[in-house]
Amino acid sequence: MAGISTTRGYPLTTIKHSVANTAEALIDDVTGFVAQSGGYNVTYVKITCETNAIRYGWNITPTVDGGTALGHVLAAAGTLELSNHKEIIGFKFVNKANASVAILHITPYVSIP
């Protein structure tokens, strides 16, 4: 695989994603995101929140602000790193505030022995 190698592996193409007001998952809802490449699992993902905050979590459905708001918060200009395959495939997220569209930049990495 050609390209830059880091201690996290080989970066795949960075994806720009507009977040919805209903919960999304990396592997199901982000166009262009792959959990595997060339037969290798994605083992690290770097997510940067460009505009507006998101809520995120695992084994839950994160919800927008309100009486039942659920999930951790990643503020605009914040960065989140997911560092194992199970964590990546279980990651879910949503806009923190209804109708405040967050823009994420998502870079998956594969580890190639």
N, C-alpha and C. Protein backbone atom coordinates (compact mmCIF):
# COMPACT_ATOMS: atom_id res chain seq x y z
N MET A 1 0.85 -1.17 0.00
CA MET A 1 0.00 0.00 0.00
C MET A 1 0.90 1.23 0.00
N ALA A 2 0.73 2.08 -0.97
CA ALA A 2 1.54 3.29 -1.09
C ALA A 2 1.00 4.38 -0.17
N GLY A 3 1.83 5.30 0.19
CA GLY A 3 1.38 6.43 1.00
C GLY A 3 2.21 6.60 2.25
N ILE A 4 1.75 7.46 3.08
CA ILE A 4 2.44 7.80 4.32
C ILE A 4 2.12 6.76 5.38
N SER A 5 3.13 6.29 6.08
CA SER A 5 2.93 5.37 7.19
C SER A 5 3.24 6.12 8.49
N THR A 6 2.37 5.98 9.47
CA THR A 6 2.60 6.57 10.77
C THR A 6 2.59 5.45 11.80
N THR A 7 2.81 5.78 13.05
CA THR A 7 2.75 4.76 14.10
C THR A 7 1.34 4.21 14.24
N ARG A 8 0.36 4.89 13.70
CA ARG A 8 -1.03 4.44 13.76
C ARG A 8 -1.40 3.58 12.55
N GLY A 9 -0.52 3.50 11.57
CA GLY A 9 -0.78 2.73 10.37
C GLY A 9 -0.79 3.61 9.15
N TYR A 10 -1.51 3.18 8.13
CA TYR A 10 -1.59 3.92 6.88
C TYR A 10 -2.93 4.67 6.81
N PRO A 11 -2.89 6.00 6.62
CA PRO A 11 -4.14 6.75 6.54
C PRO A 11 -4.83 6.50 5.21
N LEU A 12 -6.13 6.31 5.27
CA LEU A 12 -6.95 6.24 4.06
C LEU A 12 -7.45 7.65 3.76
N THR A 13 -8.29 7.80 2.80
CA THR A 13 -8.79 9.11 2.39
C THR A 13 -9.61 9.76 3.50
N THR A 14 -9.33 11.04 3.77
CA THR A 14 -10.12 11.80 4.75
C THR A 14 -11.48 12.11 4.14
N ILE A 15 -12.51 11.96 4.97
CA ILE A 15 -13.89 12.15 4.55
C ILE A 15 -14.47 13.37 5.28
N LYS A 16 -15.18 14.22 4.56
CA LYS A 16 -15.90 15.34 5.16
C LYS A 16 -17.37 14.93 5.26
N HIS A 17 -17.94 15.05 6.47
CA HIS A 17 -19.30 14.56 6.70
C HIS A 17 -20.14 15.59 7.44
N SER A 18 -21.34 15.86 6.94
CA SER A 18 -22.32 16.71 7.62
C SER A 18 -23.19 15.83 8.50
N VAL A 19 -23.23 16.15 9.79
CA VAL A 19 -23.93 15.31 10.77
C VAL A 19 -25.43 15.59 10.74
N ALA A 20 -26.21 14.54 10.93
CA ALA A 20 -27.67 14.64 10.92
C ALA A 20 -28.22 14.89 12.33
N ASN A 21 -29.52 15.11 12.40
CA ASN A 21 -30.20 15.30 13.69
C ASN A 21 -30.72 13.99 14.27
N THR A 22 -30.41 12.89 13.61
CA THR A 22 -30.72 11.56 14.16
C THR A 22 -29.39 10.81 14.23
N ALA A 23 -29.29 9.89 15.17
CA ALA A 23 -28.03 9.18 15.41
C ALA A 23 -27.52 8.49 14.16
N GLU A 24 -26.20 8.56 13.97
CA GLU A 24 -25.53 7.94 12.84
C GLU A 24 -24.40 7.05 13.36
N ALA A 25 -23.99 6.11 12.52
CA ALA A 25 -22.84 5.25 12.82
C ALA A 25 -21.82 5.40 11.71
N LEU A 26 -20.53 5.34 12.06
CA LEU A 26 -19.48 5.48 11.05
C LEU A 26 -19.67 4.49 9.90
N ILE A 27 -19.87 3.22 10.23
CA ILE A 27 -19.88 2.20 9.18
C ILE A 27 -21.18 2.17 8.38
N ASP A 28 -22.27 2.71 8.90
CA ASP A 28 -23.54 2.66 8.20
C ASP A 28 -23.92 3.96 7.50
N ASP A 29 -23.51 5.09 8.05
CA ASP A 29 -24.07 6.36 7.60
C ASP A 29 -23.08 7.36 7.01
N VAL A 30 -21.80 7.11 7.08
CA VAL A 30 -20.82 8.05 6.54
C VAL A 30 -20.40 7.55 5.16
N THR A 31 -20.81 8.28 4.12
CA THR A 31 -20.49 7.89 2.74
C THR A 31 -18.98 7.85 2.55
N GLY A 32 -18.50 6.71 2.07
CA GLY A 32 -17.07 6.56 1.81
C GLY A 32 -16.29 5.92 2.95
N PHE A 33 -16.89 5.79 4.14
CA PHE A 33 -16.17 5.17 5.25
C PHE A 33 -16.18 3.67 5.07
N VAL A 34 -15.03 3.04 5.26
CA VAL A 34 -14.93 1.59 5.20
C VAL A 34 -14.31 1.07 6.49
N ALA A 35 -14.79 -0.08 6.95
CA ALA A 35 -14.25 -0.69 8.16
C ALA A 35 -13.06 -1.58 7.84
N GLN A 36 -12.87 -1.88 6.54
CA GLN A 36 -11.74 -2.67 6.09
C GLN A 36 -11.23 -2.11 4.77
N SER A 37 -9.95 -2.29 4.51
CA SER A 37 -9.37 -1.90 3.23
C SER A 37 -8.27 -2.89 2.89
N GLY A 38 -8.34 -3.44 1.70
CA GLY A 38 -7.32 -4.41 1.28
C GLY A 38 -7.26 -5.63 2.16
N GLY A 39 -8.37 -5.97 2.81
CA GLY A 39 -8.41 -7.13 3.69
C GLY A 39 -7.95 -6.85 5.11
N TYR A 40 -7.60 -5.60 5.40
CA TYR A 40 -7.14 -5.22 6.74
C TYR A 40 -8.20 -4.36 7.43
N ASN A 41 -8.40 -4.61 8.73
CA ASN A 41 -9.35 -3.82 9.51
C ASN A 41 -8.84 -2.40 9.73
N VAL A 42 -9.76 -1.46 9.76
CA VAL A 42 -9.43 -0.11 10.21
C VAL A 42 -9.23 -0.21 11.72
N THR A 43 -8.08 0.24 12.21
CA THR A 43 -7.76 0.08 13.62
C THR A 43 -7.60 1.41 14.35
N TYR A 44 -7.73 2.50 13.63
CA TYR A 44 -7.59 3.83 14.23
C TYR A 44 -8.38 4.82 13.37
N VAL A 45 -9.07 5.75 14.00
CA VAL A 45 -9.79 6.80 13.29
C VAL A 45 -9.57 8.12 14.02
N LYS A 46 -9.25 9.15 13.26
CA LYS A 46 -9.13 10.50 13.81
C LYS A 46 -10.33 11.30 13.30
N ILE A 47 -11.06 11.91 14.24
CA ILE A 47 -12.25 12.70 13.91
C ILE A 47 -12.05 14.10 14.44
N THR A 48 -12.18 15.09 13.57
CA THR A 48 -12.10 16.48 13.98
C THR A 48 -13.44 17.13 13.70
N CYS A 49 -13.95 17.85 14.67
CA CYS A 49 -15.22 18.55 14.56
C CYS A 49 -14.94 19.99 14.12
N GLU A 50 -15.29 20.32 12.88
CA GLU A 50 -14.98 21.65 12.34
C GLU A 50 -15.95 22.71 12.85
N THR A 51 -17.23 22.42 12.78
CA THR A 51 -18.25 23.39 13.18
C THR A 51 -19.30 22.73 14.05
N ASN A 52 -19.80 23.43 15.03
CA ASN A 52 -20.86 22.95 15.92
C ASN A 52 -20.49 21.64 16.62
N ALA A 53 -21.04 21.41 17.76
CA ALA A 53 -20.69 20.25 18.58
C ALA A 53 -21.52 19.03 18.21
N ILE A 54 -21.00 17.85 18.58
CA ILE A 54 -21.75 16.60 18.44
C ILE A 54 -21.85 15.93 19.80
N ARG A 55 -22.79 15.01 19.92
CA ARG A 55 -22.85 14.06 21.03
C ARG A 55 -22.48 12.70 20.45
N TYR A 56 -21.78 11.88 21.24
CA TYR A 56 -21.36 10.57 20.75
C TYR A 56 -21.34 9.56 21.88
N GLY A 57 -21.30 8.28 21.50
CA GLY A 57 -21.22 7.22 22.50
C GLY A 57 -21.19 5.85 21.85
N TRP A 58 -21.19 4.82 22.71
CA TRP A 58 -21.18 3.42 22.29
C TRP A 58 -22.27 2.70 23.05
N ASN A 59 -22.89 1.73 22.40
CA ASN A 59 -23.96 0.92 23.01
C ASN A 59 -25.14 1.78 23.47
N ILE A 60 -25.30 2.94 22.85
CA ILE A 60 -26.42 3.85 23.11
C ILE A 60 -26.82 4.48 21.79
N THR A 61 -27.93 5.19 21.80
CA THR A 61 -28.28 6.05 20.68
C THR A 61 -28.19 7.48 21.20
N PRO A 62 -27.12 8.21 20.84
CA PRO A 62 -26.99 9.57 21.35
C PRO A 62 -28.15 10.44 20.85
N THR A 63 -28.52 11.44 21.64
CA THR A 63 -29.65 12.29 21.30
C THR A 63 -29.26 13.76 21.39
N VAL A 64 -30.00 14.61 20.67
CA VAL A 64 -29.74 16.05 20.69
C VAL A 64 -30.11 16.62 22.05
N ASP A 65 -29.66 17.87 22.29
CA ASP A 65 -29.93 18.54 23.57
C ASP A 65 -31.42 18.56 23.88
N GLY A 66 -31.71 18.59 25.14
CA GLY A 66 -33.08 18.59 25.63
C GLY A 66 -33.13 17.81 26.91
N GLY A 67 -34.31 17.53 27.39
CA GLY A 67 -34.48 16.84 28.65
C GLY A 67 -33.88 15.45 28.68
N THR A 68 -33.76 14.82 27.51
CA THR A 68 -33.24 13.45 27.45
C THR A 68 -31.89 13.37 26.74
N ALA A 69 -31.16 14.47 26.65
CA ALA A 69 -29.87 14.48 25.95
C ALA A 69 -28.96 13.39 26.51
N LEU A 70 -28.34 12.63 25.61
CA LEU A 70 -27.49 11.52 26.03
C LEU A 70 -26.25 11.46 25.14
N GLY A 71 -25.10 11.28 25.74
CA GLY A 71 -23.84 11.12 25.01
C GLY A 71 -22.79 12.11 25.45
N HIS A 72 -21.54 11.75 25.21
CA HIS A 72 -20.41 12.66 25.45
C HIS A 72 -20.49 13.80 24.44
N VAL A 73 -19.83 14.93 24.74
CA VAL A 73 -19.83 16.07 23.83
C VAL A 73 -18.44 16.29 23.25
N LEU A 74 -18.39 16.46 21.93
CA LEU A 74 -17.18 16.88 21.24
C LEU A 74 -17.48 18.25 20.65
N ALA A 75 -16.81 19.27 21.18
CA ALA A 75 -17.04 20.65 20.77
C ALA A 75 -16.39 20.95 19.42
N ALA A 76 -16.85 22.03 18.78
CA ALA A 76 -16.22 22.50 17.55
C ALA A 76 -14.73 22.71 17.81
N ALA A 77 -13.90 22.34 16.87
CA ALA A 77 -12.44 22.40 16.93
C ALA A 77 -11.85 21.27 17.78
N GLY A 78 -12.68 20.39 18.33
CA GLY A 78 -12.21 19.26 19.12
C GLY A 78 -11.82 18.09 18.22
N THR A 79 -10.96 17.23 18.74
CA THR A 79 -10.52 16.04 18.03
C THR A 79 -10.72 14.82 18.90
N LEU A 80 -11.17 13.75 18.29
CA LEU A 80 -11.42 12.49 18.97
C LEU A 80 -10.65 11.40 18.23
N GLU A 81 -10.01 10.50 18.98
CA GLU A 81 -9.27 9.40 18.38
C GLU A 81 -9.86 8.07 18.84
N LEU A 82 -10.23 7.24 17.89
CA LEU A 82 -10.73 5.89 18.18
C LEU A 82 -9.60 4.93 17.83
N SER A 83 -9.26 4.04 18.78
CA SER A 83 -8.01 3.29 18.58
C SER A 83 -8.14 1.77 18.55
N ASN A 84 -9.34 1.24 18.36
CA ASN A 84 -9.44 -0.20 18.09
C ASN A 84 -10.68 -0.48 17.25
N HIS A 85 -10.68 -1.59 16.55
CA HIS A 85 -11.72 -1.90 15.58
C HIS A 85 -13.12 -1.96 16.20
N LYS A 86 -13.24 -2.61 17.34
CA LYS A 86 -14.56 -2.72 18.01
C LYS A 86 -15.09 -1.35 18.40
N GLU A 87 -14.21 -0.48 18.89
CA GLU A 87 -14.59 0.88 19.26
C GLU A 87 -15.08 1.64 18.02
N ILE A 88 -14.42 1.43 16.90
CA ILE A 88 -14.75 2.13 15.66
C ILE A 88 -16.11 1.68 15.13
N ILE A 89 -16.35 0.38 15.08
CA ILE A 89 -17.60 -0.09 14.49
C ILE A 89 -18.80 0.17 15.40
N GLY A 90 -18.59 0.41 16.69
CA GLY A 90 -19.69 0.70 17.60
C GLY A 90 -19.94 2.18 17.83
N PHE A 91 -19.15 3.06 17.21
CA PHE A 91 -19.23 4.51 17.44
C PHE A 91 -20.47 5.10 16.78
N LYS A 92 -21.26 5.85 17.59
CA LYS A 92 -22.45 6.54 17.09
C LYS A 92 -22.40 8.00 17.49
N PHE A 93 -23.01 8.86 16.69
CA PHE A 93 -22.95 10.30 16.94
C PHE A 93 -24.17 11.01 16.36
N VAL A 94 -24.38 12.26 16.83
CA VAL A 94 -25.52 13.08 16.39
C VAL A 94 -25.16 14.54 16.65
N ASN A 95 -25.83 15.47 15.98
CA ASN A 95 -25.64 16.89 16.31
C ASN A 95 -25.99 17.11 17.77
N LYS A 96 -25.24 17.96 18.46
CA LYS A 96 -25.54 18.26 19.86
C LYS A 96 -26.84 19.05 19.95
N ALA A 97 -27.01 20.03 19.09
CA ALA A 97 -28.22 20.85 19.08
C ALA A 97 -28.98 20.60 17.79
N ASN A 98 -30.28 20.47 17.90
CA ASN A 98 -31.13 20.24 16.74
C ASN A 98 -30.92 21.35 15.70
N ALA A 99 -30.75 20.98 14.45
CA ALA A 99 -30.60 21.90 13.31
C ALA A 99 -29.28 22.68 13.31
N SER A 100 -28.34 22.35 14.19
CA SER A 100 -27.00 22.95 14.15
C SER A 100 -26.06 21.92 13.54
N VAL A 101 -25.93 21.95 12.24
CA VAL A 101 -25.20 20.91 11.52
C VAL A 101 -23.70 20.98 11.82
N ALA A 102 -23.19 19.91 12.39
CA ALA A 102 -21.74 19.79 12.63
C ALA A 102 -21.08 19.22 11.38
N ILE A 103 -19.88 19.70 11.10
CA ILE A 103 -19.08 19.16 10.00
C ILE A 103 -17.90 18.41 10.62
N LEU A 104 -17.78 17.12 10.25
CA LEU A 104 -16.68 16.29 10.75
C LEU A 104 -15.71 15.98 9.63
N HIS A 105 -14.42 15.90 9.97
CA HIS A 105 -13.39 15.40 9.07
C HIS A 105 -12.91 14.10 9.70
N ILE A 106 -13.03 13.01 8.95
CA ILE A 106 -12.81 11.67 9.48
C ILE A 106 -11.72 10.99 8.66
N THR A 107 -10.64 10.56 9.33
CA THR A 107 -9.56 9.84 8.64
C THR A 107 -9.38 8.47 9.27
N PRO A 108 -9.71 7.41 8.53
CA PRO A 108 -9.46 6.05 9.02
C PRO A 108 -8.04 5.61 8.66
N TYR A 109 -7.47 4.74 9.50
CA TYR A 109 -6.13 4.18 9.27
C TYR A 109 -6.22 2.65 9.32
N VAL A 110 -5.40 2.01 8.51
CA VAL A 110 -5.28 0.54 8.59
C VAL A 110 -3.87 0.20 9.04
N SER A 111 -3.77 -0.87 9.83
CA SER A 111 -2.47 -1.38 10.25
C SER A 111 -2.12 -2.53 9.34
N ILE A 112 -0.98 -2.41 8.69
CA ILE A 112 -0.52 -3.46 7.80
C ILE A 112 0.79 -4.00 8.36
N PRO A 113 0.81 -5.29 8.66
CA PRO A 113 2.03 -5.87 9.23
C PRO A 113 3.22 -5.78 8.29
